[in-house]
Amino acid sequence: MNATINVIFYLKRVKTNAKGLTPIFLRITIDGKRLDKSIGKFIDASRWNSESSKMKGTNEEKPFVK
């Protein structure tokens, strides 16, 4: 039996905290059934690329806040 599995990372913008940081979520889909889970990291939404589901930039500053 073959299963279709998709994994993406996305921002949940409605949960932006008081510091203006947005949580990063992980979505795993197996044969149409979804599981969404926070990975426990926050990022400034302007540094997120939605098309590629990853953070923008290459600088060495600490991008994530726990």
C-alpha atoms as a PDB file:
ATOM      1  CA  MET A   1       0.000   0.000   0.000  1.00  0.00           C
ATOM      2  CA  ASN A   2       1.374   3.400  -1.003  1.00  0.00           C
ATOM      3  CA  ALA A   3       0.624   6.475   1.089  1.00  0.00           C
ATOM      4  CA  THR A   4       0.775  10.075  -0.081  1.00  0.00           C
ATOM      5  CA  ILE A   5       2.704  12.188   2.418  1.00  0.00           C
ATOM      6  CA  ASN A   6       3.176  15.980   2.318  1.00  0.00           C
ATOM      7  CA  VAL A   7       5.102  18.112   4.811  1.00  0.00           C
ATOM      8  CA  ILE A   8       5.015  21.926   4.891  1.00  0.00           C
ATOM      9  CA  PHE A   9       5.952  24.712   7.288  1.00  0.00           C
ATOM     10  CA  TYR A  10       3.741  27.797   7.543  1.00  0.00           C
ATOM     11  CA  LEU A  11       3.095  30.833   9.725  1.00  0.00           C
ATOM     12  CA  LYS A  12      -0.077  31.123  11.759  1.00  0.00           C
ATOM     13  CA  ARG A  13      -0.468  34.889  11.442  1.00  0.00           C
ATOM     14  CA  VAL A  14      -3.590  35.110  13.626  1.00  0.00           C
ATOM     15  CA  LYS A  15      -1.475  34.047  16.629  1.00  0.00           C
ATOM     16  CA  THR A  16       1.068  36.909  16.432  1.00  0.00           C
ATOM     17  CA  ASN A  17       2.312  37.681  19.940  1.00  0.00           C
ATOM     18  CA  ALA A  18       2.781  41.031  21.731  1.00  0.00           C
ATOM     19  CA  LYS A  19       6.361  41.313  20.397  1.00  0.00           C
ATOM     20  CA  GLY A  20       5.057  41.106  16.819  1.00  0.00           C
ATOM     21  CA  LEU A  21       6.473  37.622  16.223  1.00  0.00           C
ATOM     22  CA  THR A  22       4.510  34.876  14.495  1.00  0.00           C
ATOM     23  CA  PRO A  23       4.664  31.140  15.360  1.00  0.00           C
ATOM     24  CA  ILE A  24       5.896  28.612  12.796  1.00  0.00           C
ATOM     25  CA  PHE A  25       3.683  25.547  12.353  1.00  0.00           C
ATOM     26  CA  LEU A  26       4.327  22.180  10.738  1.00  0.00           C
ATOM     27  CA  ARG A  27       1.594  20.457   8.710  1.00  0.00           C
ATOM     28  CA  ILE A  28       1.893  16.761   7.870  1.00  0.00           C
ATOM     29  CA  THR A  29      -0.717  15.317   5.509  1.00  0.00           C
ATOM     30  CA  ILE A  30      -1.014  11.552   5.015  1.00  0.00           C
ATOM     31  CA  ASP A  31      -3.635  10.387   2.514  1.00  0.00           C
ATOM     32  CA  GLY A  32      -5.702  13.545   3.075  1.00  0.00           C
ATOM     33  CA  LYS A  33      -5.599  13.476   6.890  1.00  0.00           C
ATOM     34  CA  ARG A  34      -3.856  16.486   8.417  1.00  0.00           C
ATOM     35  CA  LEU A  35      -1.848  17.068  11.565  1.00  0.00           C
ATOM     36  CA  ASP A  36      -0.893  20.653  12.480  1.00  0.00           C
ATOM     37  CA  LYS A  37       1.695  21.239  15.202  1.00  0.00           C
ATOM     38  CA  SER A  38       3.593  24.274  16.441  1.00  0.00           C
ATOM     39  CA  ILE A  39       7.358  23.785  16.313  1.00  0.00           C
ATOM     40  CA  GLY A  40       7.812  26.203  19.222  1.00  0.00           C
ATOM     41  CA  LYS A  41       9.691  28.864  17.234  1.00  0.00           C
ATOM     42  CA  PHE A  42       8.634  32.436  16.434  1.00  0.00           C
ATOM     43  CA  ILE A  43       9.786  34.701  13.602  1.00  0.00           C
ATOM     44  CA  ASP A  44       9.121  38.165  12.209  1.00  0.00           C
ATOM     45  CA  ALA A  45       6.534  37.574   9.449  1.00  0.00           C
ATOM     46  CA  SER A  46       8.402  39.884   7.044  1.00  0.00           C
ATOM     47  CA  ARG A  47      11.279  37.356   6.986  1.00  0.00           C
ATOM     48  CA  TRP A  48       9.073  34.455   5.798  1.00  0.00           C
ATOM     49  CA  ASN A  49       8.760  33.320   2.158  1.00  0.00           C
ATOM     50  CA  SER A  50       5.310  31.711   1.755  1.00  0.00           C
ATOM     51  CA  GLU A  51       6.021  30.343  -1.715  1.00  0.00           C
ATOM     52  CA  SER A  52       8.966  28.230  -0.586  1.00  0.00           C
ATOM     53  CA  SER A  53       7.783  27.758   3.043  1.00  0.00           C
ATOM     54  CA  LYS A  54      11.045  28.954   4.527  1.00  0.00           C
ATOM     55  CA  MET A  55      12.792  31.951   6.039  1.00  0.00           C
ATOM     56  CA  LYS A  56      14.292  34.683   3.840  1.00  0.00           C
ATOM     57  CA  GLY A  57      17.858  35.895   4.200  1.00  0.00           C
ATOM     58  CA  THR A  58      21.343  34.655   4.809  1.00  0.00           C
ATOM     59  CA  ASN A  59      22.612  36.859   7.634  1.00  0.00           C
ATOM     60  CA  GLU A  60      23.954  35.444  10.860  1.00  0.00           C
ATOM     61  CA  GLU A  61      21.594  37.168  13.266  1.00  0.00           C
ATOM     62  CA  LYS A  62      19.515  34.865  15.425  1.00  0.00           C
ATOM     63  CA  PRO A  63      16.286  34.459  13.427  1.00  0.00           C
ATOM     64  CA  PHE A  64      14.173  32.453  15.857  1.00  0.00           C
ATOM     65  CA  VAL A  65      12.885  33.284  19.294  1.00  0.00           C
ATOM     66  CA  LYS A  66      11.659  30.601  21.624  1.00  0.00           C
END
